[in-house]
């Protein structure tokens, strides 16, 4: 009960009015969702997208927010145990622009802006799903998977034999 009453703290950082479309920013943000903070920084640092340095800056800001709040409020937040809980690119206001067109006309287009929001939280050590699976439950599942692969391989072999037999009979009848 003591752990249930303890609330998991989230720390966030935002970068508003970034000159990129939210769709392009989401490509980078989807790479880091759910990753540990250190791995997320490395992933974004070596990304070749133009928005990646901005995302890295927002991620580092969220980590510093976690560090600052934990010191100010006396919380015990382990920065090494943080992970990226959410990474979202919301749409900002659109800038309407006009492009000259042939014969004195004009075409309108829109420059899109994005608000990038990154939230980090501390991963609790007891919530790892891989450790909760016991060996008794894992063994029957492995046996079922082995049976399925055995059935698939025998079915493929018999189908191959049938097609080979059809080809040889077709060659004989053609002569």
N, C-alpha and C. Protein backbone atom coordinates (compact mmCIF):
# COMPACT_ATOMS: atom_id res chain seq x y z
N UNK A 1 0.81 -1.20 0.00
CA UNK A 1 0.00 0.00 0.00
C UNK A 1 0.85 1.26 0.00
N UNK A 2 2.02 1.19 0.61
CA UNK A 2 2.87 2.38 0.68
C UNK A 2 3.35 2.78 -0.71
N UNK A 3 3.59 1.78 -1.57
CA UNK A 3 4.04 2.10 -2.92
C UNK A 3 2.89 2.66 -3.75
N UNK A 4 1.67 2.20 -3.52
CA UNK A 4 0.53 2.69 -4.30
C UNK A 4 0.24 4.16 -3.98
N UNK A 5 0.46 4.54 -2.73
CA UNK A 5 0.22 5.93 -2.34
C UNK A 5 1.30 6.86 -2.90
N UNK A 6 2.49 6.29 -3.14
CA UNK A 6 3.59 7.08 -3.67
C UNK A 6 3.34 7.34 -5.16
N UNK A 7 3.28 8.61 -5.52
CA UNK A 7 2.96 8.98 -6.90
C UNK A 7 4.24 9.06 -7.73
N UNK A 8 4.16 8.55 -8.95
CA UNK A 8 5.31 8.62 -9.85
C UNK A 8 5.35 10.03 -10.43
N UNK A 9 6.46 10.71 -10.22
CA UNK A 9 6.60 12.09 -10.66
C UNK A 9 6.99 12.13 -12.14
N UNK A 10 6.43 13.10 -12.84
CA UNK A 10 6.76 13.34 -14.24
C UNK A 10 7.36 14.74 -14.35
N UNK A 11 8.33 14.86 -15.23
CA UNK A 11 8.99 16.14 -15.45
C UNK A 11 8.94 16.42 -16.95
N UNK A 12 8.56 17.64 -17.32
CA UNK A 12 8.39 17.92 -18.73
C UNK A 12 9.10 19.19 -19.15
N UNK A 13 9.31 19.28 -20.45
CA UNK A 13 9.90 20.47 -21.05
C UNK A 13 9.24 20.68 -22.40
N UNK A 14 9.12 21.94 -22.80
CA UNK A 14 8.45 22.28 -24.05
C UNK A 14 9.34 23.20 -24.89
N UNK A 15 9.19 23.07 -26.19
CA UNK A 15 9.78 24.02 -27.13
C UNK A 15 8.66 24.45 -28.05
N UNK A 16 8.25 25.68 -27.93
CA UNK A 16 7.10 26.16 -28.69
C UNK A 16 7.54 26.90 -29.96
N UNK A 17 6.65 26.92 -30.93
CA UNK A 17 6.80 27.67 -32.17
C UNK A 17 8.06 27.28 -32.95
N UNK A 18 8.30 25.99 -33.06
CA UNK A 18 9.45 25.52 -33.82
C UNK A 18 9.11 25.47 -35.30
N UNK A 19 10.02 25.92 -36.15
CA UNK A 19 9.75 26.04 -37.58
C UNK A 19 9.90 24.70 -38.30
N UNK A 20 9.04 23.79 -37.99
CA UNK A 20 8.96 22.51 -38.68
C UNK A 20 7.53 22.02 -38.55
N UNK A 21 7.14 21.15 -39.44
CA UNK A 21 5.78 20.61 -39.34
C UNK A 21 5.76 19.56 -38.24
N UNK A 22 4.63 19.41 -37.57
CA UNK A 22 4.53 18.40 -36.51
C UNK A 22 4.79 16.99 -37.04
N UNK A 23 4.44 16.75 -38.28
CA UNK A 23 4.64 15.43 -38.87
C UNK A 23 6.13 15.08 -38.93
N UNK A 24 6.95 16.03 -39.30
CA UNK A 24 8.39 15.80 -39.38
C UNK A 24 9.00 15.65 -37.99
N UNK A 25 8.50 16.42 -37.03
CA UNK A 25 9.01 16.32 -35.66
C UNK A 25 8.64 14.97 -35.04
N UNK A 26 7.47 14.45 -35.38
CA UNK A 26 7.03 13.17 -34.83
C UNK A 26 7.92 12.03 -35.27
N UNK A 27 8.54 12.13 -36.44
CA UNK A 27 9.45 11.09 -36.90
C UNK A 27 10.61 10.91 -35.93
N UNK A 28 11.13 12.00 -35.38
CA UNK A 28 12.23 11.93 -34.43
C UNK A 28 11.71 11.53 -33.05
N UNK A 29 10.55 12.08 -32.66
CA UNK A 29 10.02 11.81 -31.32
C UNK A 29 9.61 10.34 -31.17
N UNK A 30 9.15 9.72 -32.25
CA UNK A 30 8.78 8.31 -32.16
C UNK A 30 9.99 7.41 -31.92
N UNK A 31 11.17 7.89 -32.30
CA UNK A 31 12.38 7.11 -32.07
C UNK A 31 12.73 6.98 -30.59
N UNK A 32 12.36 8.00 -29.79
CA UNK A 32 12.82 8.03 -28.40
C UNK A 32 11.75 7.65 -27.38
N UNK A 33 10.51 7.48 -27.81
CA UNK A 33 9.45 7.15 -26.85
C UNK A 33 9.75 5.84 -26.15
N UNK A 34 9.67 5.86 -24.82
CA UNK A 34 9.86 4.64 -24.03
C UNK A 34 11.30 4.28 -23.76
N UNK A 35 12.26 4.98 -24.34
CA UNK A 35 13.67 4.66 -24.12
C UNK A 35 14.17 5.28 -22.82
N UNK A 36 15.24 4.69 -22.30
CA UNK A 36 15.92 5.31 -21.16
C UNK A 36 16.54 6.61 -21.65
N UNK A 37 16.72 7.55 -20.74
CA UNK A 37 17.14 8.90 -21.10
C UNK A 37 18.50 8.90 -21.81
N UNK A 38 19.45 8.14 -21.30
CA UNK A 38 20.79 8.11 -21.90
C UNK A 38 20.74 7.57 -23.33
N UNK A 39 19.98 6.52 -23.53
CA UNK A 39 19.86 5.94 -24.86
C UNK A 39 19.10 6.89 -25.80
N UNK A 40 18.12 7.59 -25.28
CA UNK A 40 17.36 8.54 -26.09
C UNK A 40 18.24 9.70 -26.55
N UNK A 41 19.10 10.19 -25.68
CA UNK A 41 20.01 11.28 -26.06
C UNK A 41 20.95 10.82 -27.16
N UNK A 42 21.48 9.61 -27.03
CA UNK A 42 22.38 9.09 -28.07
C UNK A 42 21.65 8.92 -29.40
N UNK A 43 20.42 8.45 -29.35
CA UNK A 43 19.64 8.24 -30.57
C UNK A 43 19.39 9.56 -31.28
N UNK A 44 18.98 10.57 -30.53
CA UNK A 44 18.66 11.86 -31.13
C UNK A 44 19.94 12.56 -31.61
N UNK A 45 21.02 12.40 -30.85
CA UNK A 45 22.27 13.07 -31.20
C UNK A 45 22.79 12.62 -32.56
N UNK A 46 22.62 11.33 -32.88
CA UNK A 46 23.12 10.80 -34.14
C UNK A 46 22.06 10.72 -35.23
N UNK A 47 20.92 11.33 -35.01
CA UNK A 47 19.88 11.39 -36.04
C UNK A 47 20.24 12.47 -37.06
N UNK A 48 19.90 12.22 -38.32
CA UNK A 48 20.27 13.17 -39.37
C UNK A 48 19.14 14.15 -39.69
N UNK A 49 18.05 14.10 -38.96
CA UNK A 49 16.93 15.01 -39.21
C UNK A 49 17.28 16.42 -38.71
N UNK A 50 16.70 17.43 -39.37
CA UNK A 50 17.01 18.82 -39.05
C UNK A 50 16.46 19.22 -37.68
N UNK A 51 15.38 18.61 -37.24
CA UNK A 51 14.76 18.96 -35.96
C UNK A 51 15.42 18.23 -34.79
N UNK A 52 16.30 17.28 -35.04
CA UNK A 52 16.91 16.46 -33.98
C UNK A 52 17.65 17.28 -32.92
N UNK A 53 18.43 18.30 -33.27
CA UNK A 53 19.09 19.08 -32.20
C UNK A 53 18.09 19.79 -31.28
N UNK A 54 16.96 20.22 -31.82
CA UNK A 54 15.94 20.86 -30.99
C UNK A 54 15.33 19.84 -30.03
N UNK A 55 15.06 18.64 -30.54
CA UNK A 55 14.50 17.59 -29.69
C UNK A 55 15.50 17.21 -28.59
N UNK A 56 16.78 17.15 -28.94
CA UNK A 56 17.80 16.84 -27.94
C UNK A 56 17.84 17.91 -26.85
N UNK A 57 17.71 19.15 -27.26
CA UNK A 57 17.73 20.27 -26.30
C UNK A 57 16.53 20.19 -25.35
N UNK A 58 15.36 19.84 -25.89
CA UNK A 58 14.16 19.72 -25.06
C UNK A 58 14.31 18.54 -24.10
N UNK A 59 14.87 17.43 -24.59
CA UNK A 59 15.07 16.26 -23.73
C UNK A 59 16.04 16.58 -22.59
N UNK A 60 17.12 17.26 -22.91
CA UNK A 60 18.08 17.64 -21.86
C UNK A 60 17.43 18.61 -20.86
N UNK A 61 16.57 19.48 -21.34
CA UNK A 61 15.87 20.41 -20.46
C UNK A 61 14.93 19.67 -19.51
N UNK A 62 14.25 18.64 -20.01
CA UNK A 62 13.37 17.85 -19.15
C UNK A 62 14.17 17.13 -18.06
N UNK A 63 15.35 16.65 -18.42
CA UNK A 63 16.22 15.98 -17.44
C UNK A 63 16.67 16.99 -16.37
N UNK A 64 17.04 18.19 -16.81
CA UNK A 64 17.46 19.21 -15.85
C UNK A 64 16.30 19.65 -14.97
N UNK A 65 15.09 19.68 -15.54
CA UNK A 65 13.91 19.99 -14.72
C UNK A 65 13.73 18.95 -13.64
N UNK A 66 13.94 17.69 -13.98
CA UNK A 66 13.83 16.61 -12.99
C UNK A 66 14.88 16.78 -11.90
N UNK A 67 16.08 17.11 -12.30
CA UNK A 67 17.17 17.29 -11.35
C UNK A 67 16.90 18.48 -10.43
N UNK A 68 16.44 19.59 -11.01
CA UNK A 68 16.19 20.80 -10.24
C UNK A 68 15.04 20.60 -9.24
N UNK A 69 13.93 20.03 -9.72
CA UNK A 69 12.77 19.84 -8.85
C UNK A 69 13.10 18.86 -7.72
N UNK A 70 13.88 17.83 -8.04
CA UNK A 70 14.23 16.88 -6.98
C UNK A 70 15.09 17.53 -5.90
N UNK A 71 15.96 18.46 -6.29
CA UNK A 71 16.78 19.15 -5.30
C UNK A 71 15.97 20.15 -4.50
N UNK A 72 15.07 20.87 -5.17
CA UNK A 72 14.27 21.89 -4.49
C UNK A 72 13.27 21.29 -3.51
N UNK A 73 12.62 20.21 -3.92
CA UNK A 73 11.58 19.63 -3.08
C UNK A 73 12.09 18.50 -2.19
N UNK A 74 13.36 18.18 -2.30
CA UNK A 74 13.94 17.14 -1.47
C UNK A 74 13.48 15.75 -1.88
N UNK A 75 13.12 15.57 -3.14
CA UNK A 75 12.71 14.26 -3.63
C UNK A 75 13.93 13.41 -3.95
N UNK A 76 13.74 12.11 -3.92
CA UNK A 76 14.82 11.20 -4.25
C UNK A 76 14.60 10.70 -5.68
N UNK A 77 15.05 11.49 -6.67
CA UNK A 77 14.90 11.12 -8.07
C UNK A 77 16.25 10.72 -8.62
N UNK A 78 16.33 9.50 -9.13
CA UNK A 78 17.55 9.00 -9.73
C UNK A 78 17.53 9.35 -11.22
N UNK A 79 18.40 10.25 -11.63
CA UNK A 79 18.41 10.72 -13.02
C UNK A 79 18.77 9.58 -13.97
N UNK A 80 19.59 8.63 -13.51
CA UNK A 80 19.96 7.50 -14.35
C UNK A 80 18.80 6.54 -14.58
N UNK A 81 17.77 6.64 -13.75
CA UNK A 81 16.62 5.73 -13.84
C UNK A 81 15.45 6.36 -14.58
N UNK A 82 15.65 7.50 -15.23
CA UNK A 82 14.58 8.17 -15.95
C UNK A 82 14.40 7.56 -17.34
N UNK A 83 13.17 7.63 -17.83
CA UNK A 83 12.88 7.21 -19.20
C UNK A 83 11.93 8.22 -19.83
N UNK A 84 11.84 8.21 -21.15
CA UNK A 84 10.98 9.13 -21.87
C UNK A 84 9.57 8.56 -21.84
N UNK A 85 8.71 9.19 -21.08
CA UNK A 85 7.34 8.68 -20.96
C UNK A 85 6.51 9.08 -22.17
N UNK A 86 6.52 10.36 -22.51
CA UNK A 86 5.81 10.82 -23.70
C UNK A 86 6.69 11.79 -24.46
N UNK A 87 6.51 11.79 -25.77
CA UNK A 87 7.19 12.75 -26.64
C UNK A 87 6.20 13.10 -27.73
N UNK A 88 5.72 14.35 -27.71
CA UNK A 88 4.61 14.74 -28.57
C UNK A 88 4.99 16.02 -29.33
N UNK A 89 4.53 16.09 -30.58
CA UNK A 89 4.65 17.31 -31.36
C UNK A 89 3.24 17.78 -31.69
N UNK A 90 2.81 18.83 -31.03
CA UNK A 90 1.49 19.40 -31.29
C UNK A 90 1.59 20.48 -32.35
N UNK A 91 0.48 20.74 -33.01
CA UNK A 91 0.48 21.74 -34.06
C UNK A 91 0.35 23.14 -33.47
N UNK A 92 1.19 24.04 -33.95
CA UNK A 92 1.13 25.43 -33.54
C UNK A 92 0.34 26.23 -34.57
N UNK A 93 0.37 27.55 -34.46
CA UNK A 93 -0.34 28.37 -35.45
C UNK A 93 0.34 28.27 -36.81
N UNK A 94 -0.46 28.37 -37.85
CA UNK A 94 0.08 28.29 -39.21
C UNK A 94 0.32 29.70 -39.74
N UNK A 95 1.42 29.86 -40.45
CA UNK A 95 1.71 31.14 -41.08
C UNK A 95 1.23 31.07 -42.53
N UNK A 96 0.31 31.95 -42.89
CA UNK A 96 -0.22 31.95 -44.24
C UNK A 96 0.70 32.78 -45.14
N UNK A 97 1.09 32.20 -46.24
CA UNK A 97 1.99 32.86 -47.17
C UNK A 97 1.40 32.80 -48.58
N UNK A 98 1.92 33.64 -49.47
CA UNK A 98 1.45 33.69 -50.85
C UNK A 98 2.63 33.48 -51.78
N UNK A 99 2.45 32.58 -52.75
CA UNK A 99 3.48 32.32 -53.75
C UNK A 99 2.99 32.87 -55.10
N UNK A 100 3.80 33.64 -55.78
CA UNK A 100 3.39 34.16 -57.10
C UNK A 100 3.15 33.01 -58.07
N UNK A 101 2.12 33.16 -58.89
CA UNK A 101 1.75 32.14 -59.86
C UNK A 101 1.70 32.77 -61.25
N UNK A 102 1.59 31.98 -62.28
CA UNK A 102 1.57 32.52 -63.65
C UNK A 102 0.38 33.44 -63.91
N UNK A 103 0.56 34.34 -64.83
CA UNK A 103 -0.49 35.24 -65.31
C UNK A 103 -1.06 36.12 -64.21
N UNK A 104 -0.20 36.57 -63.29
CA UNK A 104 -0.62 37.51 -62.27
C UNK A 104 -1.41 36.93 -61.12
N UNK A 105 -1.55 35.62 -61.07
CA UNK A 105 -2.30 35.00 -59.97
C UNK A 105 -1.37 34.73 -58.79
N UNK A 106 -1.96 34.26 -57.69
CA UNK A 106 -1.18 33.94 -56.49
C UNK A 106 -1.75 32.68 -55.86
N UNK A 107 -0.85 31.81 -55.41
CA UNK A 107 -1.25 30.60 -54.69
C UNK A 107 -0.94 30.78 -53.22
N UNK A 108 -1.87 30.33 -52.38
CA UNK A 108 -1.64 30.40 -50.93
C UNK A 108 -1.03 29.09 -50.45
N UNK A 109 -0.13 29.19 -49.50
CA UNK A 109 0.39 28.00 -48.84
C UNK A 109 0.60 28.33 -47.37
N UNK A 110 0.84 27.29 -46.57
CA UNK A 110 0.94 27.48 -45.13
C UNK A 110 2.26 26.95 -44.60
N UNK A 111 2.90 27.75 -43.80
CA UNK A 111 4.10 27.32 -43.09
C UNK A 111 3.64 26.80 -41.73
N UNK A 112 3.94 25.56 -41.45
CA UNK A 112 3.46 24.96 -40.21
C UNK A 112 4.49 25.13 -39.08
N UNK A 113 3.99 25.26 -37.86
CA UNK A 113 4.81 25.36 -36.67
C UNK A 113 4.44 24.23 -35.73
N UNK A 114 5.38 23.83 -34.88
CA UNK A 114 5.14 22.72 -33.96
C UNK A 114 5.51 23.13 -32.54
N UNK A 115 4.74 22.60 -31.60
CA UNK A 115 5.08 22.70 -30.17
C UNK A 115 5.55 21.31 -29.75
N UNK A 116 6.79 21.19 -29.33
CA UNK A 116 7.37 19.90 -28.96
C UNK A 116 7.35 19.77 -27.44
N UNK A 117 6.75 18.68 -26.95
CA UNK A 117 6.64 18.43 -25.51
C UNK A 117 7.24 17.07 -25.20
N UNK A 118 8.21 17.04 -24.27
CA UNK A 118 8.84 15.79 -23.85
C UNK A 118 8.63 15.64 -22.35
N UNK A 119 8.14 14.47 -21.95
CA UNK A 119 7.90 14.17 -20.54
C UNK A 119 8.76 12.98 -20.14
N UNK A 120 9.51 13.14 -19.05
CA UNK A 120 10.31 12.03 -18.52
C UNK A 120 9.76 11.67 -17.15
N UNK A 121 9.88 10.39 -16.81
CA UNK A 121 9.43 9.90 -15.51
C UNK A 121 10.44 8.88 -15.01
N UNK A 122 10.37 8.59 -13.71
CA UNK A 122 11.29 7.63 -13.14
C UNK A 122 10.68 6.24 -13.23
N UNK A 123 11.47 5.31 -13.73
CA UNK A 123 11.01 3.93 -13.87
C UNK A 123 11.23 3.22 -12.55
N UNK A 124 10.17 2.66 -12.03
CA UNK A 124 10.27 1.95 -10.76
C UNK A 124 10.92 0.59 -10.99
N UNK A 125 11.81 0.14 -10.10
CA UNK A 125 12.56 -1.09 -10.34
C UNK A 125 11.70 -2.35 -10.33
N UNK A 126 10.58 -2.40 -9.65
CA UNK A 126 9.79 -3.63 -9.53
C UNK A 126 8.79 -3.84 -10.65
N UNK A 127 8.72 -2.95 -11.64
CA UNK A 127 7.70 -3.04 -12.67
C UNK A 127 8.17 -3.68 -13.96
N UNK A 128 9.30 -4.36 -13.97
CA UNK A 128 9.81 -4.98 -15.18
C UNK A 128 9.02 -6.24 -15.49
N UNK A 129 8.41 -6.31 -16.67
CA UNK A 129 7.55 -7.44 -17.01
C UNK A 129 8.35 -8.70 -17.28
N UNK A 130 9.57 -8.59 -17.72
CA UNK A 130 10.37 -9.77 -18.04
C UNK A 130 10.69 -10.57 -16.78
N UNK A 131 10.82 -9.92 -15.65
CA UNK A 131 11.14 -10.64 -14.43
C UNK A 131 9.90 -11.27 -13.79
N UNK A 132 8.70 -10.82 -14.14
CA UNK A 132 7.50 -11.37 -13.53
C UNK A 132 7.08 -12.69 -14.16
N UNK A 133 7.56 -13.01 -15.35
CA UNK A 133 7.23 -14.29 -15.99
C UNK A 133 8.03 -15.38 -15.31
N UNK A 134 7.34 -16.40 -14.83
CA UNK A 134 8.03 -17.49 -14.16
C UNK A 134 8.41 -18.56 -15.16
N UNK A 135 9.29 -19.45 -14.76
CA UNK A 135 9.75 -20.49 -15.67
C UNK A 135 8.65 -21.48 -15.99
N UNK A 136 7.73 -21.73 -15.05
CA UNK A 136 6.65 -22.70 -15.30
C UNK A 136 5.74 -22.21 -16.42
N UNK A 137 5.48 -20.89 -16.48
CA UNK A 137 4.60 -20.37 -17.52
C UNK A 137 5.35 -20.22 -18.84
N UNK A 138 6.65 -20.06 -18.79
CA UNK A 138 7.42 -19.87 -20.01
C UNK A 138 7.64 -21.19 -20.76
N UNK A 139 7.77 -22.32 -20.04
CA UNK A 139 8.06 -23.61 -20.66
C UNK A 139 6.91 -24.10 -21.55
N UNK A 140 5.64 -24.11 -21.11
CA UNK A 140 4.56 -24.55 -22.00
C UNK A 140 4.43 -23.67 -23.24
N UNK A 141 4.67 -22.40 -23.10
CA UNK A 141 4.59 -21.51 -24.25
C UNK A 141 5.67 -21.87 -25.27
N UNK A 142 6.85 -22.22 -24.80
CA UNK A 142 7.93 -22.60 -25.70
C UNK A 142 7.60 -23.91 -26.41
N UNK A 143 6.96 -24.85 -25.70
CA UNK A 143 6.58 -26.12 -26.32
C UNK A 143 5.54 -25.91 -27.41
N UNK A 144 4.57 -25.02 -27.15
CA UNK A 144 3.54 -24.72 -28.16
C UNK A 144 4.17 -24.11 -29.40
N UNK A 145 5.12 -23.19 -29.22
CA UNK A 145 5.78 -22.56 -30.35
C UNK A 145 6.57 -23.58 -31.16
N UNK A 146 7.21 -24.54 -30.47
CA UNK A 146 7.98 -25.57 -31.17
C UNK A 146 7.05 -26.47 -31.99
N UNK A 147 5.87 -26.80 -31.45
CA UNK A 147 4.90 -27.63 -32.18
C UNK A 147 4.41 -26.90 -33.43
N UNK A 148 4.13 -25.61 -33.32
CA UNK A 148 3.64 -24.83 -34.46
C UNK A 148 4.67 -24.79 -35.58
N UNK A 149 5.94 -24.61 -35.23
CA UNK A 149 6.97 -24.56 -36.27
C UNK A 149 7.15 -25.92 -36.92
N UNK A 150 7.01 -27.01 -36.13
CA UNK A 150 7.14 -28.35 -36.68
C UNK A 150 6.01 -28.63 -37.67
N UNK A 151 4.81 -28.21 -37.33
CA UNK A 151 3.66 -28.41 -38.22
C UNK A 151 3.84 -27.63 -39.51
N UNK A 152 4.31 -26.40 -39.41
CA UNK A 152 4.50 -25.56 -40.60
C UNK A 152 5.55 -26.16 -41.53
N UNK A 153 6.65 -26.69 -40.98
CA UNK A 153 7.71 -27.23 -41.83
C UNK A 153 7.24 -28.49 -42.54
N UNK A 154 6.47 -29.36 -41.88
CA UNK A 154 5.98 -30.57 -42.55
C UNK A 154 4.98 -30.21 -43.64
N UNK A 155 4.15 -29.20 -43.42
CA UNK A 155 3.18 -28.78 -44.42
C UNK A 155 3.91 -28.24 -45.65
N UNK A 156 4.98 -27.51 -45.45
CA UNK A 156 5.73 -26.97 -46.57
C UNK A 156 6.38 -28.08 -47.38
N UNK A 157 6.89 -29.11 -46.70
CA UNK A 157 7.55 -30.22 -47.39
C UNK A 157 6.56 -30.97 -48.27
N UNK A 158 5.36 -31.24 -47.76
CA UNK A 158 4.39 -32.00 -48.55
C UNK A 158 3.92 -31.18 -49.74
N UNK A 159 3.76 -29.89 -49.60
CA UNK A 159 3.35 -29.03 -50.70
C UNK A 159 4.43 -29.01 -51.78
N UNK A 160 5.69 -29.01 -51.37
CA UNK A 160 6.79 -29.01 -52.33
C UNK A 160 6.82 -30.31 -53.11
N UNK A 161 6.54 -31.43 -52.46
CA UNK A 161 6.52 -32.73 -53.13
C UNK A 161 5.42 -32.77 -54.17
N UNK A 162 4.25 -32.23 -53.85
CA UNK A 162 3.12 -32.23 -54.79
C UNK A 162 3.43 -31.43 -56.04
N UNK A 163 4.04 -30.24 -55.87
CA UNK A 163 4.34 -29.41 -57.03
C UNK A 163 5.42 -30.06 -57.89
N UNK A 164 6.39 -30.73 -57.28
CA UNK A 164 7.42 -31.41 -58.05
C UNK A 164 6.82 -32.55 -58.85
N UNK A 165 5.87 -33.29 -58.27
CA UNK A 165 5.22 -34.40 -58.96
C UNK A 165 4.41 -33.90 -60.15
N UNK A 166 3.73 -32.77 -59.99
CA UNK A 166 2.94 -32.20 -61.08
C UNK A 166 3.83 -31.79 -62.24
N UNK A 167 5.00 -31.20 -61.95
CA UNK A 167 5.91 -30.76 -63.00
C UNK A 167 6.43 -31.93 -63.82
N UNK A 168 6.78 -33.04 -63.15
CA UNK A 168 7.33 -34.20 -63.86
C UNK A 168 6.26 -34.85 -64.75
N UNK A 169 5.01 -34.92 -64.28
CA UNK A 169 3.95 -35.52 -65.08
C UNK A 169 3.62 -34.63 -66.29
N UNK A 170 3.73 -33.31 -66.12
CA UNK A 170 3.47 -32.41 -67.22
C UNK A 170 4.55 -32.54 -68.29
N UNK A 171 5.81 -32.75 -67.91
CA UNK A 171 6.91 -32.91 -68.86
C UNK A 171 6.73 -34.20 -69.66
N UNK A 172 6.32 -35.29 -68.97
CA UNK A 172 6.14 -36.58 -69.64
C UNK A 172 5.02 -36.53 -70.64
N UNK A 173 3.92 -35.85 -70.31
CA UNK A 173 2.80 -35.78 -71.22
C UNK A 173 3.09 -34.89 -72.42
N UNK A 174 4.01 -33.92 -72.30
CA UNK A 174 4.38 -33.03 -73.39
C UNK A 174 5.22 -33.77 -74.42
N UNK A 175 5.97 -34.84 -74.05
CA UNK A 175 6.81 -35.59 -74.96
C UNK A 175 5.97 -36.51 -75.76
